[in-house]
Protein backbone atom coordinates (compact mmCIF):
# COMPACT_ATOMS: atom_id res chain seq x y z
CA MET A 1 64.66 39.10 -11.82
CA GLY A 2 66.67 36.31 -10.61
CA GLN A 3 65.58 33.19 -8.40
CA GLU A 4 67.14 34.83 -5.56
CA ASP A 5 64.30 37.98 -5.71
CA TRP A 6 61.59 35.64 -6.16
CA LYS A 7 59.77 36.33 -2.99
CA ARG A 8 57.75 33.33 -1.62
CA LYS A 9 55.39 34.98 0.50
CA PRO A 10 51.06 35.80 0.96
CA ALA A 11 50.05 38.78 -1.15
CA ASP A 12 48.70 40.31 1.72
CA PRO A 13 50.80 42.69 3.00
CA GLU A 14 48.94 42.91 6.34
CA VAL A 15 49.47 39.39 7.26
CA LYS A 16 52.91 39.06 8.73
CA GLU A 17 52.88 35.21 8.88
CA ALA A 18 50.61 32.41 7.92
CA GLY A 19 48.71 30.40 9.71
CA VAL A 20 46.82 30.70 13.27
CA ARG A 21 47.93 30.88 16.68
CA LEU A 22 47.68 26.74 18.22
CA ASN A 23 46.23 28.38 21.23
CA LYS A 24 42.90 30.05 18.94
CA PHE A 25 43.54 26.60 16.57
CA LEU A 26 42.12 24.47 19.79
CA SER A 27 39.71 27.47 21.71
CA GLU A 28 37.88 27.73 17.84
CA ALA A 29 38.12 23.63 17.77
CA GLY A 30 35.76 23.67 20.96
CA VAL A 31 39.36 21.77 22.96
CA CYS A 32 39.61 23.90 25.45
CA SER A 33 40.84 28.41 26.11
CA ARG A 34 43.72 29.86 24.90
CA ARG A 35 44.87 29.96 28.10
CA GLU A 36 44.38 26.01 28.73
CA ALA A 37 46.19 25.73 25.58
CA ASP A 38 49.23 27.34 26.29
CA ARG A 39 49.13 25.46 29.64
CA LEU A 40 49.04 22.26 27.71
CA ALA A 41 51.42 23.10 25.57
CA GLU A 42 54.09 24.35 28.07
CA ALA A 43 53.40 20.64 29.60
CA GLY A 44 54.65 19.40 25.94
CA GLU A 45 50.22 17.68 25.56
CA ILE A 46 50.66 19.10 22.25
CA THR A 47 52.08 17.77 19.11
CA VAL A 48 51.65 19.53 15.50
CA ASP A 49 52.43 16.66 12.86
CA GLY A 50 54.11 14.58 15.75
CA ARG A 51 56.61 17.25 16.98
CA ARG A 52 56.23 18.67 20.35
CA ALA A 53 54.37 22.66 20.11
CA GLU A 54 55.81 25.36 21.89
CA PRO A 55 53.24 28.13 23.09
CA GLY A 56 52.68 30.79 20.26
CA THR A 57 53.23 27.95 17.36
CA ARG A 58 51.47 28.64 14.38
CA VAL A 59 49.03 25.59 12.93
CA PHE A 60 48.88 26.11 8.83
CA PRO A 61 46.14 24.33 7.31
CA GLY A 62 45.74 20.66 6.70
CA GLN A 63 48.39 20.38 9.77
CA ARG A 64 47.66 17.67 12.11
CA VAL A 65 47.43 19.05 15.82
CA ALA A 66 46.96 16.34 19.00
CA VAL A 67 46.35 17.28 22.66
CA SER A 68 47.46 14.34 25.26
CA GLY A 69 47.53 12.28 22.15
CA ARG A 70 44.10 12.84 20.26
CA GLU A 71 44.08 14.16 16.89
CA ILE A 72 41.65 16.94 16.65
CA GLU A 73 39.22 17.36 13.82
CA GLY A 74 39.99 19.85 11.41
CA ARG A 75 43.58 18.78 10.14
CA ASP A 76 42.32 18.45 6.70
CA ARG A 77 40.78 21.49 6.32
CA PRO A 78 40.61 22.03 1.86
CA VAL A 79 43.68 24.93 1.21
CA LEU A 80 43.13 26.70 -2.06
CA LEU A 81 45.67 29.34 -2.93
CA ALA A 82 46.17 31.10 -6.21
CA VAL A 83 49.72 31.80 -6.58
CA TYR A 84 51.77 34.47 -9.35
CA LYS A 85 54.45 31.73 -10.89
CA PRO A 86 57.14 33.61 -11.32
CA ARG A 87 59.40 32.38 -15.11
CA GLY A 88 61.52 29.65 -15.05
CA VAL A 89 59.60 27.71 -12.48
CA VAL A 90 57.74 24.73 -13.65
CA CYS A 91 54.57 23.09 -12.92
CA THR A 92 55.89 19.47 -13.41
CA THR A 93 58.54 17.13 -10.53
CA SER A 94 60.09 15.80 -13.92
CA ASP A 95 61.86 18.26 -16.00
CA ARG A 96 64.82 17.57 -18.33
CA ASP A 97 66.35 21.20 -17.41
CA ARG A 98 65.99 20.36 -13.69
CA ALA A 99 64.15 23.78 -13.05
CA GLN A 100 62.58 24.39 -9.63
CA ASN A 101 58.89 22.87 -9.53
CA ILE A 102 56.12 25.19 -8.30
CA VAL A 103 55.88 22.52 -5.15
CA GLU A 104 59.98 23.04 -4.46
CA PHE A 105 59.43 26.91 -4.79
CA LEU A 106 56.27 27.77 -2.86
CA HIS A 107 58.03 25.29 0.09
CA TYR A 108 54.19 25.72 1.71
CA PRO A 109 53.91 22.93 5.03
CA VAL A 110 50.83 21.27 3.54
CA ARG A 111 51.38 18.87 0.64
CA ILE A 112 49.49 20.97 -2.15
CA TYR A 113 49.50 20.18 -5.91
CA PRO A 114 49.19 22.83 -9.22
CA VAL A 115 45.64 22.59 -10.95
CA GLY A 116 46.58 22.02 -14.36
CA ARG A 117 50.23 23.76 -15.85
CA LEU A 118 51.87 26.40 -17.26
CA ASP A 119 54.60 26.44 -18.96
CA LYS A 120 58.07 27.30 -17.94
CA ASP A 121 58.50 30.29 -20.00
CA SER A 122 55.13 31.50 -18.87
CA GLU A 123 54.33 33.51 -15.57
CA GLY A 124 51.15 34.79 -13.67
CA LEU A 125 48.56 32.91 -11.45
CA ILE A 126 48.39 29.03 -10.91
CA LEU A 127 45.83 27.39 -8.65
CA MET A 128 47.14 25.05 -5.64
CA THR A 129 45.74 22.64 -3.25
CA ASN A 130 45.27 19.68 -1.77
CA GLU A 131 41.74 18.71 -3.02
CA GLY A 132 41.32 16.15 -5.77
CA GLU A 133 38.10 16.23 -7.18
CA LEU A 134 38.31 19.84 -7.23
CA VAL A 135 41.17 19.60 -9.68
CA ASN A 136 39.13 17.17 -11.82
CA ARG A 137 36.39 20.17 -11.79
CA ILE A 138 38.68 23.06 -12.71
CA LEU A 139 40.55 20.69 -15.24
CA ARG A 140 37.27 18.92 -17.49
CA ALA A 141 37.90 20.27 -21.01
CA ARG A 142 34.21 19.59 -21.67
CA TYR A 143 33.18 22.40 -19.64
CA GLY A 144 34.90 25.09 -20.94
CA HIS A 145 36.12 26.81 -18.00
CA GLU A 146 37.65 30.19 -19.00
CA LYS A 147 41.50 31.13 -18.38
CA GLU A 148 42.68 34.75 -19.85
CA TYR A 149 46.16 36.02 -20.32
CA LEU A 150 48.19 39.12 -21.45
CA VAL A 151 50.58 38.19 -24.45
CA THR A 152 53.39 40.04 -26.19
CA VAL A 153 54.44 38.83 -29.18
CA ASP A 154 57.26 39.95 -32.02
CA ARG A 155 55.07 41.57 -34.52
CA PRO A 156 52.79 44.39 -34.39
CA VAL A 157 49.03 42.78 -33.55
CA THR A 158 46.92 43.02 -36.83
CA GLU A 159 42.98 42.78 -36.75
CA GLU A 160 43.50 39.73 -38.98
CA PHE A 161 45.73 38.06 -36.77
CA LEU A 162 42.99 38.39 -34.22
CA ALA A 163 40.17 37.37 -36.31
CA ARG A 164 41.92 34.42 -37.26
CA MET A 165 42.73 33.79 -33.15
CA ARG A 166 39.54 34.42 -32.32
CA ALA A 167 38.11 31.37 -34.65
CA GLY A 168 40.25 28.70 -34.34
CA VAL A 169 43.67 27.49 -35.23
CA PRO A 170 44.80 24.34 -36.70
CA ILE A 171 47.40 22.84 -34.08
CA LEU A 172 48.10 19.52 -32.77
CA ASP A 173 46.15 18.00 -35.27
CA THR A 174 43.18 19.77 -33.94
CA VAL A 175 41.25 23.08 -34.40
CA THR A 176 41.51 25.47 -31.22
CA ARG A 177 38.13 26.52 -30.23
CA PRO A 178 36.35 29.78 -30.85
CA CYS A 179 37.69 32.02 -27.92
CA THR A 180 37.72 36.16 -27.06
CA ALA A 181 40.96 38.36 -28.43
CA GLU A 182 41.47 41.82 -28.34
CA LYS A 183 44.24 43.97 -28.91
CA THR A 184 45.37 45.43 -26.19
CA GLY A 185 48.97 47.74 -27.04
CA GLU A 186 51.16 47.70 -30.49
CA ARG A 187 52.50 44.16 -30.45
CA SER A 188 50.43 42.97 -27.23
CA PHE A 189 46.85 41.73 -26.86
CA ARG A 190 44.34 40.41 -24.52
CA ILE A 191 43.14 36.52 -25.01
CA ILE A 192 40.20 34.03 -23.22
CA LEU A 193 40.90 30.54 -23.63
CA THR A 194 38.01 27.57 -22.60
CA GLN A 195 40.57 24.68 -23.41
CA GLY A 196 43.79 23.60 -22.62
CA LEU A 197 46.02 22.15 -25.17
CA ASN A 198 50.18 21.76 -24.65
CA ARG A 199 51.57 25.51 -25.61
CA GLN A 200 48.43 26.41 -26.98
CA ILE A 201 48.74 30.34 -27.17
CA ARG A 202 52.71 30.00 -28.56
CA ARG A 203 51.31 27.41 -31.15
CA MET A 204 48.43 29.12 -32.15
CA CYS A 205 50.50 32.66 -32.80
CA GLU A 206 53.64 30.42 -34.32
CA ALA A 207 50.74 28.85 -36.70
CA LEU A 208 49.82 32.21 -37.65
CA GLY A 209 53.91 33.27 -38.07
CA TRP A 210 54.04 35.05 -34.44
CA ARG A 211 56.41 34.30 -31.87
CA VAL A 212 55.50 34.97 -28.28
CA ARG A 213 57.95 37.25 -26.28
CA SER A 214 55.67 37.08 -23.36
CA LEU A 215 53.10 35.24 -21.46
CA LYS A 216 51.15 35.90 -18.80
CA ARG A 217 48.07 33.89 -16.78
CA ILE A 218 45.94 37.09 -14.95
CA ARG A 219 42.42 34.86 -14.68
CA VAL A 220 41.03 31.49 -14.41
CA LEU A 221 37.24 30.90 -13.92
CA ASN A 222 36.38 34.01 -11.22
CA ILE A 223 39.89 33.94 -9.33
CA ARG A 224 42.19 36.97 -10.85
CA LEU A 225 45.99 37.29 -10.36
CA GLY A 226 44.76 41.39 -9.10
CA GLU A 227 48.47 42.97 -7.61
CA MET A 228 49.95 40.23 -6.24
CA LYS A 229 54.51 40.19 -7.55
CA ALA A 230 56.07 36.94 -8.49
CA GLY A 231 56.65 34.35 -5.95
CA GLU A 232 53.73 36.08 -3.54
CA TRP A 233 50.77 34.14 -2.92
CA ARG A 234 46.93 34.10 -1.18
CA GLU A 235 44.67 32.06 0.15
CA VAL A 236 41.52 31.63 -1.74
CA ALA A 237 38.16 31.68 0.73
CA GLY A 238 34.64 33.48 1.82
CA ALA A 239 32.91 34.66 -0.95
CA GLU A 240 35.37 34.04 -3.80
CA ARG A 241 35.43 30.69 -2.90
CA ALA A 242 32.22 30.41 -2.86
CA GLU A 243 31.83 31.95 -6.18
CA LEU A 244 34.11 29.48 -7.80
CA LEU A 245 31.76 26.67 -6.49
CA ARG A 246 29.33 28.18 -7.68
CA LEU A 247 30.46 28.80 -11.48
CA LEU A 248 31.64 25.14 -11.22
CA GLU A 249 28.01 23.66 -10.12
CA ASN A 250 26.63 25.75 -13.03
CA THR A 251 29.03 24.40 -15.21
CA GLY A 252 28.69 20.44 -14.50
CA GLY A 253 25.29 20.83 -14.24
CA SER A 254 25.27 22.47 -17.71
CA GLU A 255 27.19 19.87 -19.08
CA ARG A 256 24.53 18.53 -22.15
CA ALA A 257 23.88 22.26 -23.14
CA GLY A 258 27.92 22.73 -23.82
CA GLY A 259 27.36 25.46 -20.71
CA SER A 260 30.61 27.75 -19.40
CA THR A 261 30.64 30.85 -17.56
CA ALA A 262 30.63 33.04 -20.66
CA GLY A 263 28.67 29.64 -22.89
CA ARG A 264 31.65 29.35 -24.96
CA THR A 265 32.17 25.72 -24.93
CA SER A 266 31.86 24.96 -28.70
CA GLY A 267 34.56 23.29 -30.73
CA ASN A 268 36.75 20.48 -30.07
CA GLU A 269 37.67 18.48 -26.50
CA ASN A 270 41.22 17.43 -26.97
CA GLY A 271 42.27 18.75 -23.59
CA ARG A 272 45.84 17.89 -23.49
CA ARG A 273 48.34 19.76 -20.81
CA PRO A 274 47.02 22.84 -20.18
CA GLU A 275 49.20 26.30 -21.39
């Protein structure tokens, strides 16, 4: 798929436009009625990120809204997105190939950052947020948070290969943590990691004599890629967000016991750049 075909849009087909109408935003914030909000907008009394707003303007999470010069609370509402990163897009702002990075690609109206990385040749789920502490809690290697991938390789997948992947593979001057791996096709398998070394899956396969042909991340903790297509995104909210915070609280609280979302946290903690 060419870059021009990627879709930077919400994954929910019923959502025609992201954000919330200005009059609804102000009404729910207890500032004024929707009708009064429209009147104030027509009078030039409302700004969004310093620019004059019109009736019907949509407000995105994180934008600054002011009425008659007074900023309205709620502008710093946390943003957490589940994004389907296409192949060819990088998760760092410095790339030798000058490839488009995920922030530029998404062009979200609020400044957000990726939670970890997914290498240029891989695709799938990447979380993006404006919450620094949330990033730290998800990425802390000692908590053993699960990430799930679908992988296609250049040779038939054997039981010996899977057994060695599960047991741990020597790469980057360490041995990878024990993990879950199961065959899904003649040359494909599913793997669940609880650490994030640099290009970990690719390096593990290469150390055993296999080469990765395609790699897709489909889950981080309880957040799943689902039916999204490359370039699509959705907001993580409601019960899904609550469950994520619960998992983070539980794993953080069980640090001494080495707990994880599935109890697999043994092994080294040499967390480097995530896969």
